[in-house]
Amino acid sequence: MPRRLPGTRRAWTYASGAAELAVAAALALPRTRRAGALAAAGLFVAVSPAHLKMARDWRDRPAPLKALAYARIPAQLPLIGWALHAARQAKG
């Protein structure tokens, strides 16, 4: 987590985990699926700076770890696309 954020990194990690669980629950229910999908897209965008920071921080790690850190960045794009598609397909 970027150091500029107020609070502890652990608190932000727990908060992002709680947000992920809430989004998953919203996606699971047909009545809230559209809102959950839009929230998922927002969450994927919101965590992108953390992925960028991790890739920067891990640039001196062994090649497999560095590759995983860098792979997370473009992986967000299809996830965002999926979430927006799910929002369009949801009823309501």
C-alpha atoms as a PDB file:
ATOM      1  CA  MET A   1       0.000   0.000   0.000  1.00  0.00           C
ATOM      2  CA  PRO A   2       1.259   3.484  -0.737  1.00  0.00           C
ATOM      3  CA  ARG A   3       2.656   5.167   2.359  1.00  0.00           C
ATOM      4  CA  ARG A   4       0.731   8.361   1.578  1.00  0.00           C
ATOM      5  CA  LEU A   5      -2.548   6.761   2.575  1.00  0.00           C
ATOM      6  CA  PRO A   6      -3.656   7.612   6.101  1.00  0.00           C
ATOM      7  CA  GLY A   7      -3.735   4.781   8.594  1.00  0.00           C
ATOM      8  CA  THR A   8      -1.836   1.533   8.628  1.00  0.00           C
ATOM      9  CA  ARG A   9      -1.165  -0.708   5.668  1.00  0.00           C
ATOM     10  CA  ARG A  10      -2.796  -3.580   7.544  1.00  0.00           C
ATOM     11  CA  ALA A  11      -6.010  -1.549   7.964  1.00  0.00           C
ATOM     12  CA  TRP A  12      -6.081  -0.828   4.221  1.00  0.00           C
ATOM     13  CA  THR A  13      -5.452  -4.494   3.441  1.00  0.00           C
ATOM     14  CA  TYR A  14      -8.331  -5.549   5.707  1.00  0.00           C
ATOM     15  CA  ALA A  15     -10.583  -2.846   4.231  1.00  0.00           C
ATOM     16  CA  SER A  16      -9.841  -3.933   0.672  1.00  0.00           C
ATOM     17  CA  GLY A  17     -10.520  -7.562   1.638  1.00  0.00           C
ATOM     18  CA  ALA A  18     -13.851  -6.573   3.178  1.00  0.00           C
ATOM     19  CA  ALA A  19     -14.701  -4.618   0.025  1.00  0.00           C
ATOM     20  CA  GLU A  20     -13.887  -7.664  -2.108  1.00  0.00           C
ATOM     21  CA  LEU A  21     -16.175  -9.848   0.006  1.00  0.00           C
ATOM     22  CA  ALA A  22     -18.989  -7.281  -0.176  1.00  0.00           C
ATOM     23  CA  VAL A  23     -18.637  -7.042  -3.955  1.00  0.00           C
ATOM     24  CA  ALA A  24     -18.662 -10.842  -4.260  1.00  0.00           C
ATOM     25  CA  ALA A  25     -21.834 -11.035  -2.181  1.00  0.00           C
ATOM     26  CA  ALA A  26     -23.493  -8.353  -4.331  1.00  0.00           C
ATOM     27  CA  LEU A  27     -22.526 -10.209  -7.508  1.00  0.00           C
ATOM     28  CA  ALA A  28     -23.957 -13.464  -6.178  1.00  0.00           C
ATOM     29  CA  LEU A  29     -27.449 -12.049  -5.716  1.00  0.00           C
ATOM     30  CA  PRO A  30     -29.469 -11.308  -8.865  1.00  0.00           C
ATOM     31  CA  ARG A  31     -31.134  -8.272  -7.255  1.00  0.00           C
ATOM     32  CA  THR A  32     -27.788  -6.574  -6.547  1.00  0.00           C
ATOM     33  CA  ARG A  33     -25.730  -8.027  -9.399  1.00  0.00           C
ATOM     34  CA  ARG A  34     -25.626  -4.821 -11.482  1.00  0.00           C
ATOM     35  CA  ALA A  35     -24.509  -2.681  -8.541  1.00  0.00           C
ATOM     36  CA  GLY A  36     -22.036  -5.370  -7.508  1.00  0.00           C
ATOM     37  CA  ALA A  37     -20.551  -5.526 -10.999  1.00  0.00           C
ATOM     38  CA  LEU A  38     -20.133  -1.749 -11.111  1.00  0.00           C
ATOM     39  CA  ALA A  39     -18.571  -1.856  -7.653  1.00  0.00           C
ATOM     40  CA  ALA A  40     -16.227  -4.614  -8.856  1.00  0.00           C
ATOM     41  CA  ALA A  41     -15.099  -2.450 -11.784  1.00  0.00           C
ATOM     42  CA  GLY A  42     -14.477   0.425  -9.378  1.00  0.00           C
ATOM     43  CA  LEU A  43     -12.584  -1.828  -7.005  1.00  0.00           C
ATOM     44  CA  PHE A  44     -10.374  -3.141  -9.818  1.00  0.00           C
ATOM     45  CA  VAL A  45      -9.545   0.443 -10.782  1.00  0.00           C
ATOM     46  CA  ALA A  46      -8.991   1.464  -7.159  1.00  0.00           C
ATOM     47  CA  VAL A  47      -6.452  -1.283  -6.462  1.00  0.00           C
ATOM     48  CA  SER A  48      -4.433  -0.551  -9.610  1.00  0.00           C
ATOM     49  CA  PRO A  49      -2.144   1.990  -7.886  1.00  0.00           C
ATOM     50  CA  ALA A  50      -1.256  -0.659  -5.300  1.00  0.00           C
ATOM     51  CA  HIS A  51      -0.344  -3.068  -8.095  1.00  0.00           C
ATOM     52  CA  LEU A  52       1.846  -0.410  -9.700  1.00  0.00           C
ATOM     53  CA  LYS A  53       3.569   0.252  -6.394  1.00  0.00           C
ATOM     54  CA  MET A  54       4.136  -3.449  -5.818  1.00  0.00           C
ATOM     55  CA  ALA A  55       5.694  -3.845  -9.270  1.00  0.00           C
ATOM     56  CA  ARG A  56       7.978  -0.904  -8.566  1.00  0.00           C
ATOM     57  CA  ASP A  57       8.897  -2.217  -5.128  1.00  0.00           C
ATOM     58  CA  TRP A  58       9.582  -5.717  -6.481  1.00  0.00           C
ATOM     59  CA  ARG A  59      11.775  -4.689  -9.427  1.00  0.00           C
ATOM     60  CA  ASP A  60      14.844  -6.133  -7.639  1.00  0.00           C
ATOM     61  CA  ARG A  61      13.212  -9.445  -6.658  1.00  0.00           C
ATOM     62  CA  PRO A  62      13.897 -12.753  -8.434  1.00  0.00           C
ATOM     63  CA  ALA A  63      12.530 -12.919 -11.985  1.00  0.00           C
ATOM     64  CA  PRO A  64       9.463 -15.120 -11.244  1.00  0.00           C
ATOM     65  CA  LEU A  65       8.269 -12.794  -8.456  1.00  0.00           C
ATOM     66  CA  LYS A  66       8.951  -9.712 -10.524  1.00  0.00           C
ATOM     67  CA  ALA A  67       7.021 -11.246 -13.439  1.00  0.00           C
ATOM     68  CA  LEU A  68       4.020 -11.916 -11.207  1.00  0.00           C
ATOM     69  CA  ALA A  69       4.069  -8.360  -9.878  1.00  0.00           C
ATOM     70  CA  TYR A  70       4.200  -6.902 -13.381  1.00  0.00           C
ATOM     71  CA  ALA A  71       1.566  -9.318 -14.718  1.00  0.00           C
ATOM     72  CA  ARG A  72      -0.992  -8.042 -12.228  1.00  0.00           C
ATOM     73  CA  ILE A  73      -1.047  -4.627 -13.908  1.00  0.00           C
ATOM     74  CA  PRO A  74      -2.427  -5.547 -17.362  1.00  0.00           C
ATOM     75  CA  ALA A  75      -4.548  -8.296 -15.801  1.00  0.00           C
ATOM     76  CA  GLN A  76      -6.776  -5.566 -14.354  1.00  0.00           C
ATOM     77  CA  LEU A  77      -8.026  -4.587 -17.834  1.00  0.00           C
ATOM     78  CA  PRO A  78      -9.930  -7.796 -18.643  1.00  0.00           C
ATOM     79  CA  LEU A  79     -11.272  -7.866 -15.086  1.00  0.00           C
ATOM     80  CA  ILE A  80     -12.633  -4.334 -15.481  1.00  0.00           C
ATOM     81  CA  GLY A  81     -14.085  -5.295 -18.872  1.00  0.00           C
ATOM     82  CA  TRP A  82     -15.716  -8.410 -17.392  1.00  0.00           C
ATOM     83  CA  ALA A  83     -17.247  -6.385 -14.566  1.00  0.00           C
ATOM     84  CA  LEU A  84     -18.676  -3.789 -16.959  1.00  0.00           C
ATOM     85  CA  HIS A  85     -20.034  -6.562 -19.198  1.00  0.00           C
ATOM     86  CA  ALA A  86     -21.645  -8.217 -16.168  1.00  0.00           C
ATOM     87  CA  ALA A  87     -23.234  -4.879 -15.228  1.00  0.00           C
ATOM     88  CA  ARG A  88     -24.697  -4.506 -18.718  1.00  0.00           C
ATOM     89  CA  GLN A  89     -26.051  -8.073 -18.661  1.00  0.00           C
ATOM     90  CA  ALA A  90     -27.618  -7.792 -15.205  1.00  0.00           C
ATOM     91  CA  LYS A  91     -31.289  -7.065 -14.902  1.00  0.00           C
ATOM     92  CA  GLY A  92     -32.289  -3.815 -13.290  1.00  0.00           C
END
